[in-house]
Amino acid sequence: MKARVHITLKQGVLDPQGKAIASALHHMGFAGVEGVRQGKFLELDLKSTDRAAAEKEVRTMCERLLANTVIEDYAVELVK
């Protein structure tokens, strides 16, 4: 089973890298971009075949290591 984890900064947290990307896109002629929020994407290969146990384990990984939950949100997606 694979776990896909998307980690993004919480709304209201300053995102200077996102602002830099938006600025670069504007300079390249992509005037329709109103804003950019950058984040991280992780894909984990899991041995578990129990969907509920796998999701619980990945959420624990996010809470303890993968995401800084003070300033970041995360979303977990499990795929076979």
Protein backbone atom coordinates (compact mmCIF):
# COMPACT_ATOMS: atom_id res chain seq x y z
CA MET A 1 0.00 0.00 0.00
CA LYS A 2 1.18 3.54 -0.71
CA ALA A 3 0.51 6.60 1.39
CA ARG A 4 0.61 10.00 -0.26
CA VAL A 5 1.07 12.91 2.12
CA HIS A 6 0.56 16.54 1.12
CA ILE A 7 1.97 19.07 3.58
CA THR A 8 1.17 22.77 3.24
CA LEU A 9 1.56 25.85 5.36
CA LYS A 10 -1.55 26.79 7.32
CA GLN A 11 -3.56 29.75 6.11
CA GLY A 12 -2.20 32.92 7.68
CA VAL A 13 1.39 31.63 7.87
CA LEU A 14 3.77 33.74 5.82
CA ASP A 15 4.97 31.88 2.70
CA PRO A 16 7.98 33.77 1.27
CA GLN A 17 8.85 30.94 -1.12
CA GLY A 18 5.30 30.99 -2.50
CA LYS A 19 5.54 34.76 -2.98
CA ALA A 20 8.87 34.36 -4.82
CA ILE A 21 7.36 31.72 -7.11
CA ALA A 22 4.34 33.94 -7.82
CA SER A 23 6.63 36.88 -8.61
CA ALA A 24 8.75 34.77 -10.97
CA LEU A 25 5.63 33.52 -12.76
CA HIS A 26 4.40 37.11 -13.21
CA HIS A 27 7.79 38.09 -14.66
CA MET A 28 7.52 35.16 -17.08
CA GLY A 29 4.20 36.48 -18.36
CA PHE A 30 1.76 34.38 -16.31
CA ALA A 31 -0.29 37.36 -15.14
CA GLY A 32 -3.31 35.21 -14.25
CA VAL A 33 -1.63 33.71 -11.18
CA GLU A 34 -3.10 35.46 -8.13
CA GLY A 35 -1.12 33.61 -5.47
CA VAL A 36 1.06 30.58 -4.76
CA ARG A 37 1.34 28.44 -1.64
CA GLN A 38 4.19 25.94 -1.72
CA GLY A 39 4.36 22.69 0.19
CA LYS A 40 5.79 19.17 0.30
CA PHE A 41 4.66 15.87 -1.18
CA LEU A 42 5.78 12.53 0.25
CA GLU A 43 5.00 9.03 -0.99
CA LEU A 44 5.53 6.20 1.47
CA ASP A 45 5.55 2.48 0.63
CA LEU A 46 3.91 0.58 3.50
CA LYS A 47 3.88 -3.12 4.34
CA SER A 48 0.49 -2.84 6.01
CA THR A 49 -2.58 -4.25 4.26
CA ASP A 50 -4.99 -2.92 6.90
CA ARG A 51 -6.22 0.44 5.62
CA ALA A 52 -7.30 1.84 9.00
CA ALA A 53 -4.05 0.82 10.71
CA ALA A 54 -1.98 2.24 7.86
CA GLU A 55 -3.78 5.59 7.97
CA LYS A 56 -3.37 5.79 11.74
CA GLU A 57 0.34 4.99 11.44
CA VAL A 58 0.92 7.61 8.72
CA ARG A 59 -0.97 10.25 10.72
CA THR A 60 1.26 9.46 13.71
CA MET A 61 4.32 9.86 11.46
CA CYS A 62 3.02 13.26 10.35
CA GLU A 63 2.31 14.40 13.91
CA ARG A 64 5.69 13.25 15.22
CA LEU A 65 8.10 13.96 12.34
CA LEU A 66 6.88 14.74 8.84
CA ALA A 67 4.86 17.91 9.49
CA ASN A 68 5.38 20.82 11.84
CA THR A 69 1.77 20.90 13.01
CA VAL A 70 2.18 24.33 14.59
CA ILE A 71 2.47 25.93 11.14
CA GLU A 72 1.61 23.13 8.68
CA ASP A 73 -1.47 21.14 7.70
CA TYR A 74 -1.29 17.70 6.14
CA ALA A 75 -3.57 15.41 4.15
CA VAL A 76 -3.13 11.65 3.83
CA GLU A 77 -4.27 9.58 0.84
CA LEU A 78 -3.91 5.80 0.79
CA VAL A 79 -3.72 3.90 -2.51
CA LYS A 80 -3.15 0.23 -3.27
